[in-house]
C-alpha atoms as a PDB file:
ATOM      1  CA  UNK A   1      14.460 295.705  20.705  1.00  0.00           C
ATOM      2  CA  UNK A   2      17.677 294.511  19.009  1.00  0.00           C
ATOM      3  CA  UNK A   3      18.643 290.866  18.222  1.00  0.00           C
ATOM      4  CA  UNK A   4      21.393 291.159  20.763  1.00  0.00           C
ATOM      5  CA  UNK A   5      20.927 292.710  24.131  1.00  0.00           C
ATOM      6  CA  UNK A   6      22.866 295.831  25.065  1.00  0.00           C
ATOM      7  CA  UNK A   7      24.379 296.350  28.499  1.00  0.00           C
ATOM      8  CA  UNK A   8      21.654 298.466  29.839  1.00  0.00           C
ATOM      9  CA  UNK A   9      18.976 295.787  28.904  1.00  0.00           C
ATOM     10  CA  UNK A  10      21.056 293.010  30.296  1.00  0.00           C
ATOM     11  CA  UNK A  11      21.180 294.797  33.626  1.00  0.00           C
ATOM     12  CA  UNK A  12      17.490 295.815  33.543  1.00  0.00           C
ATOM     13  CA  UNK A  13      16.511 292.149  32.721  1.00  0.00           C
ATOM     14  CA  UNK A  14      17.872 291.054  36.099  1.00  0.00           C
ATOM     15  CA  UNK A  15      15.489 293.235  37.994  1.00  0.00           C
ATOM     16  CA  UNK A  16      12.434 293.098  35.567  1.00  0.00           C
ATOM     17  CA  UNK A  17       9.285 291.150  36.430  1.00  0.00           C
ATOM     18  CA  UNK A  18       9.149 289.993  32.887  1.00  0.00           C
ATOM     19  CA  UNK A  19      11.322 290.198  29.794  1.00  0.00           C
ATOM     20  CA  UNK A  20      10.118 290.191  26.223  1.00  0.00           C
ATOM     21  CA  UNK A  21      12.275 290.345  23.076  1.00  0.00           C
ATOM     22  CA  UNK A  22      11.800 291.439  19.525  1.00  0.00           C
ATOM     23  CA  UNK A  23      14.135 288.800  17.927  1.00  0.00           C
ATOM     24  CA  UNK A  24      15.120 285.422  19.136  1.00  0.00           C
ATOM     25  CA  UNK A  25      18.454 285.234  20.852  1.00  0.00           C
ATOM     26  CA  UNK A  26      18.584 288.395  22.967  1.00  0.00           C
ATOM     27  CA  UNK A  27      17.508 286.500  26.104  1.00  0.00           C
ATOM     28  CA  UNK A  28      17.476 282.762  26.046  1.00  0.00           C
ATOM     29  CA  UNK A  29      14.215 282.262  27.944  1.00  0.00           C
ATOM     30  CA  UNK A  30      12.222 285.434  27.052  1.00  0.00           C
ATOM     31  CA  UNK A  31       9.067 285.385  24.936  1.00  0.00           C
ATOM     32  CA  UNK A  32       9.609 286.670  21.351  1.00  0.00           C
ATOM     33  CA  UNK A  33       6.920 289.386  20.786  1.00  0.00           C
ATOM     34  CA  UNK A  34       8.392 291.339  17.949  1.00  0.00           C
ATOM     35  CA  UNK A  35       8.620 295.065  17.739  1.00  0.00           C
ATOM     36  CA  UNK A  36       5.490 297.152  17.463  1.00  0.00           C
ATOM     37  CA  UNK A  37       5.018 298.510  13.961  1.00  0.00           C
ATOM     38  CA  UNK A  38       3.004 301.371  12.642  1.00  0.00           C
ATOM     39  CA  UNK A  39      -0.596 300.724  11.679  1.00  0.00           C
ATOM     40  CA  UNK A  40      -0.231 302.105   8.122  1.00  0.00           C
ATOM     41  CA  UNK A  41       2.523 299.521   7.419  1.00  0.00           C
ATOM     42  CA  UNK A  42       0.489 296.626   8.927  1.00  0.00           C
ATOM     43  CA  UNK A  43      -2.341 297.790   6.688  1.00  0.00           C
ATOM     44  CA  UNK A  44      -0.467 297.270   3.416  1.00  0.00           C
ATOM     45  CA  UNK A  45      -1.831 294.596   1.080  1.00  0.00           C
ATOM     46  CA  UNK A  46      -0.161 291.144   1.400  1.00  0.00           C
ATOM     47  CA  UNK A  47       2.768 290.673  -1.071  1.00  0.00           C
ATOM     48  CA  UNK A  48       0.794 288.279  -3.273  1.00  0.00           C
ATOM     49  CA  UNK A  49      -1.858 290.950  -3.746  1.00  0.00           C
ATOM     50  CA  UNK A  50       0.379 294.012  -3.814  1.00  0.00           C
ATOM     51  CA  UNK A  51       2.895 292.630  -6.245  1.00  0.00           C
ATOM     52  CA  UNK A  52       0.487 290.791  -8.551  1.00  0.00           C
ATOM     53  CA  UNK A  53       0.707 291.812 -12.130  1.00  0.00           C
ATOM     54  CA  UNK A  54       3.842 294.072 -11.719  1.00  0.00           C
ATOM     55  CA  UNK A  55       6.158 294.283 -14.639  1.00  0.00           C
ATOM     56  CA  UNK A  56       8.837 296.620 -15.901  1.00  0.00           C
ATOM     57  CA  UNK A  57      12.019 297.597 -14.062  1.00  0.00           C
ATOM     58  CA  UNK A  58      12.571 296.301 -10.554  1.00  0.00           C
ATOM     59  CA  UNK A  59      11.686 298.982  -8.046  1.00  0.00           C
ATOM     60  CA  UNK A  60      14.595 299.483  -5.614  1.00  0.00           C
ATOM     61  CA  UNK A  61      13.858 301.591  -2.361  1.00  0.00           C
ATOM     62  CA  UNK A  62      17.231 302.796  -0.898  1.00  0.00           C
ATOM     63  CA  UNK A  63      16.742 304.008   2.726  1.00  0.00           C
ATOM     64  CA  UNK A  64      19.555 305.585   4.545  1.00  0.00           C
ATOM     65  CA  UNK A  65      17.721 306.951   7.558  1.00  0.00           C
ATOM     66  CA  UNK A  66      17.440 310.533   8.714  1.00  0.00           C
ATOM     67  CA  UNK A  67      21.164 310.926   8.883  1.00  0.00           C
ATOM     68  CA  UNK A  68      21.747 308.961   5.626  1.00  0.00           C
ATOM     69  CA  UNK A  69      24.231 306.218   5.090  1.00  0.00           C
ATOM     70  CA  UNK A  70      27.395 307.163   3.286  1.00  0.00           C
ATOM     71  CA  UNK A  71      28.058 303.740   1.931  1.00  0.00           C
ATOM     72  CA  UNK A  72      24.590 303.504   0.399  1.00  0.00           C
ATOM     73  CA  UNK A  73      24.933 307.064  -1.007  1.00  0.00           C
ATOM     74  CA  UNK A  74      28.294 306.269  -2.552  1.00  0.00           C
ATOM     75  CA  UNK A  75      27.532 302.818  -3.921  1.00  0.00           C
ATOM     76  CA  UNK A  76      24.024 302.764  -5.234  1.00  0.00           C
ATOM     77  CA  UNK A  77      24.589 305.316  -8.104  1.00  0.00           C
ATOM     78  CA  UNK A  78      27.278 303.066  -9.462  1.00  0.00           C
ATOM     79  CA  UNK A  79      24.995 299.973  -8.964  1.00  0.00           C
ATOM     80  CA  UNK A  80      22.461 301.846 -11.035  1.00  0.00           C
ATOM     81  CA  UNK A  81      24.971 302.422 -13.800  1.00  0.00           C
ATOM     82  CA  UNK A  82      25.656 298.664 -13.989  1.00  0.00           C
ATOM     83  CA  UNK A  83      22.002 297.728 -14.052  1.00  0.00           C
ATOM     84  CA  UNK A  84      20.825 300.347 -16.494  1.00  0.00           C
ATOM     85  CA  UNK A  85      17.022 300.300 -17.217  1.00  0.00           C
ATOM     86  CA  UNK A  86      16.557 297.053 -15.475  1.00  0.00           C
ATOM     87  CA  UNK A  87      15.857 298.937 -12.247  1.00  0.00           C
ATOM     88  CA  UNK A  88      14.213 302.200 -11.081  1.00  0.00           C
ATOM     89  CA  UNK A  89      15.551 303.514  -7.819  1.00  0.00           C
ATOM     90  CA  UNK A  90      13.993 305.771  -5.086  1.00  0.00           C
ATOM     91  CA  UNK A  91      16.876 306.827  -2.888  1.00  0.00           C
ATOM     92  CA  UNK A  92      16.374 308.444   0.490  1.00  0.00           C
ATOM     93  CA  UNK A  93      19.636 310.149   1.053  1.00  0.00           C
ATOM     94  CA  UNK A  94      19.369 311.658   4.503  1.00  0.00           C
ATOM     95  CA  UNK A  95      19.698 315.251   5.621  1.00  0.00           C
ATOM     96  CA  UNK A  96      21.839 317.516   3.558  1.00  0.00           C
ATOM     97  CA  UNK A  97      22.840 314.837   1.093  1.00  0.00           C
ATOM     98  CA  UNK A  98      20.219 315.039  -1.684  1.00  0.00           C
ATOM     99  CA  UNK A  99      22.158 317.168  -4.100  1.00  0.00           C
ATOM    100  CA  UNK A 100      25.311 315.243  -3.750  1.00  0.00           C
ATOM    101  CA  UNK A 101      23.525 312.004  -4.372  1.00  0.00           C
ATOM    102  CA  UNK A 102      21.567 313.404  -7.319  1.00  0.00           C
ATOM    103  CA  UNK A 103      24.909 314.434  -8.741  1.00  0.00           C
ATOM    104  CA  UNK A 104      26.286 311.049  -8.162  1.00  0.00           C
ATOM    105  CA  UNK A 105      23.435 309.493 -10.154  1.00  0.00           C
ATOM    106  CA  UNK A 106      23.852 311.986 -12.940  1.00  0.00           C
ATOM    107  CA  UNK A 107      27.513 311.447 -13.029  1.00  0.00           C
ATOM    108  CA  UNK A 108      26.974 307.742 -13.431  1.00  0.00           C
ATOM    109  CA  UNK A 109      24.625 308.407 -16.430  1.00  0.00           C
ATOM    110  CA  UNK A 110      21.511 307.768 -14.415  1.00  0.00           C
ATOM    111  CA  UNK A 111      19.809 311.070 -13.730  1.00  0.00           C
ATOM    112  CA  UNK A 112      16.257 309.537 -14.020  1.00  0.00           C
ATOM    113  CA  UNK A 113      16.347 308.008 -10.456  1.00  0.00           C
ATOM    114  CA  UNK A 114      14.394 309.700  -7.635  1.00  0.00           C
ATOM    115  CA  UNK A 115      16.487 311.074  -4.787  1.00  0.00           C
ATOM    116  CA  UNK A 116      14.710 312.696  -1.654  1.00  0.00           C
ATOM    117  CA  UNK A 117      16.232 313.830   1.556  1.00  0.00           C
ATOM    118  CA  UNK A 118      13.407 312.155   3.648  1.00  0.00           C
ATOM    119  CA  UNK A 119      10.400 310.034   3.104  1.00  0.00           C
ATOM    120  CA  UNK A 120       7.312 311.266   4.925  1.00  0.00           C
ATOM    121  CA  UNK A 121       5.166 308.347   4.091  1.00  0.00           C
ATOM    122  CA  UNK A 122       7.172 305.236   4.548  1.00  0.00           C
ATOM    123  CA  UNK A 123       4.064 302.873   4.136  1.00  0.00           C
ATOM    124  CA  UNK A 124       3.567 304.399   0.532  1.00  0.00           C
ATOM    125  CA  UNK A 125       7.307 303.861  -0.177  1.00  0.00           C
ATOM    126  CA  UNK A 126       7.102 300.239   0.929  1.00  0.00           C
ATOM    127  CA  UNK A 127       3.989 299.740  -1.190  1.00  0.00           C
ATOM    128  CA  UNK A 128       5.885 301.068  -4.207  1.00  0.00           C
ATOM    129  CA  UNK A 129       9.040 299.092  -3.711  1.00  0.00           C
ATOM    130  CA  UNK A 130       9.859 295.580  -4.911  1.00  0.00           C
ATOM    131  CA  UNK A 131      12.963 295.376  -2.799  1.00  0.00           C
ATOM    132  CA  UNK A 132      14.713 297.555  -0.081  1.00  0.00           C
ATOM    133  CA  UNK A 133      18.409 298.419   0.301  1.00  0.00           C
ATOM    134  CA  UNK A 134      19.001 299.737   3.867  1.00  0.00           C
ATOM    135  CA  UNK A 135      20.659 299.411   7.250  1.00  0.00           C
ATOM    136  CA  UNK A 136      19.197 296.967   9.648  1.00  0.00           C
ATOM    137  CA  UNK A 137      18.061 298.810  12.707  1.00  0.00           C
ATOM    138  CA  UNK A 138      15.525 296.880  14.826  1.00  0.00           C
ATOM    139  CA  UNK A 139      12.543 298.876  13.864  1.00  0.00           C
ATOM    140  CA  UNK A 140      13.455 298.919  10.190  1.00  0.00           C
ATOM    141  CA  UNK A 141      13.911 295.156  10.115  1.00  0.00           C
ATOM    142  CA  UNK A 142      10.408 294.776  11.798  1.00  0.00           C
ATOM    143  CA  UNK A 143       8.729 297.179   9.390  1.00  0.00           C
ATOM    144  CA  UNK A 144      10.251 295.498   6.386  1.00  0.00           C
ATOM    145  CA  UNK A 145       9.050 292.107   7.578  1.00  0.00           C
ATOM    146  CA  UNK A 146       5.512 293.404   8.407  1.00  0.00           C
ATOM    147  CA  UNK A 147       5.411 294.974   4.946  1.00  0.00           C
ATOM    148  CA  UNK A 148       6.463 291.808   3.212  1.00  0.00           C
ATOM    149  CA  UNK A 149       9.536 293.051   1.386  1.00  0.00           C
ATOM    150  CA  UNK A 150      12.702 291.476   0.205  1.00  0.00           C
ATOM    151  CA  UNK A 151      15.814 293.358   1.408  1.00  0.00           C
ATOM    152  CA  UNK A 152      19.468 293.839   1.163  1.00  0.00           C
ATOM    153  CA  UNK A 153      20.679 294.739   4.597  1.00  0.00           C
ATOM    154  CA  UNK A 154      23.942 296.546   5.244  1.00  0.00           C
ATOM    155  CA  UNK A 155      24.342 296.474   9.059  1.00  0.00           C
ATOM    156  CA  UNK A 156      25.969 299.398  10.722  1.00  0.00           C
ATOM    157  CA  UNK A 157      29.421 298.365  11.968  1.00  0.00           C
ATOM    158  CA  UNK A 158      29.159 298.053  15.740  1.00  0.00           C
ATOM    159  CA  UNK A 159      31.203 296.047  18.042  1.00  0.00           C
ATOM    160  CA  UNK A 160      28.290 293.924  19.139  1.00  0.00           C
ATOM    161  CA  UNK A 161      27.108 293.534  15.481  1.00  0.00           C
ATOM    162  CA  UNK A 162      23.521 294.436  16.762  1.00  0.00           C
ATOM    163  CA  UNK A 163      22.155 295.174  13.361  1.00  0.00           C
ATOM    164  CA  UNK A 164      23.634 291.963  11.806  1.00  0.00           C
ATOM    165  CA  UNK A 165      21.667 289.927  14.430  1.00  0.00           C
ATOM    166  CA  UNK A 166      18.528 291.942  13.754  1.00  0.00           C
ATOM    167  CA  UNK A 167      18.753 291.033   9.985  1.00  0.00           C
ATOM    168  CA  UNK A 168      19.804 287.390  10.339  1.00  0.00           C
ATOM    169  CA  UNK A 169      16.317 285.965  10.911  1.00  0.00           C
ATOM    170  CA  UNK A 170      15.177 287.311   7.575  1.00  0.00           C
ATOM    171  CA  UNK A 171      18.290 286.048   5.767  1.00  0.00           C
ATOM    172  CA  UNK A 172      17.826 282.627   7.297  1.00  0.00           C
ATOM    173  CA  UNK A 173      14.184 282.636   6.187  1.00  0.00           C
ATOM    174  CA  UNK A 174      15.268 283.327   2.605  1.00  0.00           C
ATOM    175  CA  UNK A 175      13.828 286.823   2.705  1.00  0.00           C
ATOM    176  CA  UNK A 176      16.901 288.892   2.636  1.00  0.00           C
ATOM    177  CA  UNK A 177      20.650 289.141   1.897  1.00  0.00           C
ATOM    178  CA  UNK A 178      23.056 290.640   4.355  1.00  0.00           C
ATOM    179  CA  UNK A 179      26.190 292.392   3.272  1.00  0.00           C
ATOM    180  CA  UNK A 180      28.600 293.556   5.944  1.00  0.00           C
ATOM    181  CA  UNK A 181      29.713 296.925   4.956  1.00  0.00           C
ATOM    182  CA  UNK A 182      33.246 295.827   3.539  1.00  0.00           C
ATOM    183  CA  UNK A 183      31.350 293.318   1.220  1.00  0.00           C
ATOM    184  CA  UNK A 184      28.818 295.905   0.097  1.00  0.00           C
ATOM    185  CA  UNK A 185      30.522 296.446  -3.229  1.00  0.00           C
ATOM    186  CA  UNK A 186      29.066 297.801  -6.531  1.00  0.00           C
ATOM    187  CA  UNK A 187      29.721 294.312  -8.101  1.00  0.00           C
ATOM    188  CA  UNK A 188      28.222 292.360  -5.327  1.00  0.00           C
ATOM    189  CA  UNK A 189      25.136 294.421  -4.963  1.00  0.00           C
ATOM    190  CA  UNK A 190      24.497 294.682  -8.874  1.00  0.00           C
ATOM    191  CA  UNK A 191      25.034 290.907  -9.247  1.00  0.00           C
ATOM    192  CA  UNK A 192      22.582 290.147  -6.404  1.00  0.00           C
ATOM    193  CA  UNK A 193      19.846 292.459  -7.791  1.00  0.00           C
ATOM    194  CA  UNK A 194      20.299 291.206 -11.255  1.00  0.00           C
ATOM    195  CA  UNK A 195      19.889 287.623 -10.103  1.00  0.00           C
ATOM    196  CA  UNK A 196      16.486 288.165  -8.478  1.00  0.00           C
ATOM    197  CA  UNK A 197      13.572 287.768 -10.905  1.00  0.00           C
ATOM    198  CA  UNK A 198      10.038 289.038 -10.105  1.00  0.00           C
ATOM    199  CA  UNK A 199       9.037 285.562  -9.185  1.00  0.00           C
ATOM    200  CA  UNK A 200      12.041 285.170  -6.818  1.00  0.00           C
ATOM    201  CA  UNK A 201      11.264 288.564  -5.152  1.00  0.00           C
ATOM    202  CA  UNK A 202       7.585 287.538  -4.630  1.00  0.00           C
ATOM    203  CA  UNK A 203       8.824 284.461  -2.887  1.00  0.00           C
ATOM    204  CA  UNK A 204      11.109 286.459  -0.758  1.00  0.00           C
ATOM    205  CA  UNK A 205       8.410 288.875   0.050  1.00  0.00           C
ATOM    206  CA  UNK A 206       6.074 286.186   1.173  1.00  0.00           C
ATOM    207  CA  UNK A 207       8.845 284.673   3.520  1.00  0.00           C
ATOM    208  CA  UNK A 208       9.420 288.110   4.923  1.00  0.00           C
ATOM    209  CA  UNK A 209       5.780 288.512   5.833  1.00  0.00           C
ATOM    210  CA  UNK A 210       5.728 285.022   7.183  1.00  0.00           C
ATOM    211  CA  UNK A 211       8.397 285.620   9.813  1.00  0.00           C
ATOM    212  CA  UNK A 212       6.907 288.856  10.840  1.00  0.00           C
ATOM    213  CA  UNK A 213       4.839 289.392  14.065  1.00  0.00           C
ATOM    214  CA  UNK A 214       2.096 291.765  13.009  1.00  0.00           C
ATOM    215  CA  UNK A 215       0.385 291.592  16.416  1.00  0.00           C
ATOM    216  CA  UNK A 216       3.510 292.692  18.423  1.00  0.00           C
ATOM    217  CA  UNK A 217       1.737 295.750  19.825  1.00  0.00           C
ATOM    218  CA  UNK A 218      -1.109 293.580  21.204  1.00  0.00           C
ATOM    219  CA  UNK A 219       1.309 290.990  22.519  1.00  0.00           C
ATOM    220  CA  UNK A 220       3.308 293.655  24.452  1.00  0.00           C
ATOM    221  CA  UNK A 221       0.176 295.393  25.779  1.00  0.00           C
ATOM    222  CA  UNK A 222      -1.276 292.036  26.915  1.00  0.00           C
ATOM    223  CA  UNK A 223       1.859 291.215  28.886  1.00  0.00           C
ATOM    224  CA  UNK A 224       2.129 294.604  30.548  1.00  0.00           C
ATOM    225  CA  UNK A 225      -1.473 294.308  31.548  1.00  0.00           C
ATOM    226  CA  UNK A 226      -0.896 290.882  32.942  1.00  0.00           C
ATOM    227  CA  UNK A 227       1.961 292.007  34.988  1.00  0.00           C
ATOM    228  CA  UNK A 228       0.152 295.079  36.173  1.00  0.00           C
ATOM    229  CA  UNK A 229      -2.623 292.910  37.609  1.00  0.00           C
ATOM    230  CA  UNK A 230      -0.284 290.658  39.588  1.00  0.00           C
END
């Protein structure tokens, strides 16, 4: 699932009949099949269709996950203050953090941005967004690639750097920017977002979609069926 194999998967790989991986590098000789992604995300229009004709402020979707991400909740209101009316933000704060984050935006003079505790329809949120700011869990990265969205990834700090390796293929493809948590500063993020024109974001979106594996579910199912028959 992740771009680097954990101890359990390393052990299981030794006894498995076949090994598949979502991202290259977890297992040297395993087939890269991607992560299965929800059908509503796969059904989104391609970037060149979805983003055609958009204008106005850049739409920034901030996703902290169900538990939220404190670094996103603390940093993005200040980023909004720097960027002013050049961006509009939808910020998913995580459980119990909505009021605090709303107050942070208001305190930064940016009360107009939307803050929600959770997002029930992620496909609709991806369809709305021009760029995503989020952690880089394996399924999140796979969804963002399948949706065809540029991203700023802030990997969770783990000794194996699992989330960094998940995001790296998209950064290498020119579809994303990775900020390790100590580098995720107001100045760095604001400068990055300010430097991306709509044309640049469309190019990044197309690159993200190009490296996705939209038929991951079929690939996994096919391999499982093949092994079951042998």
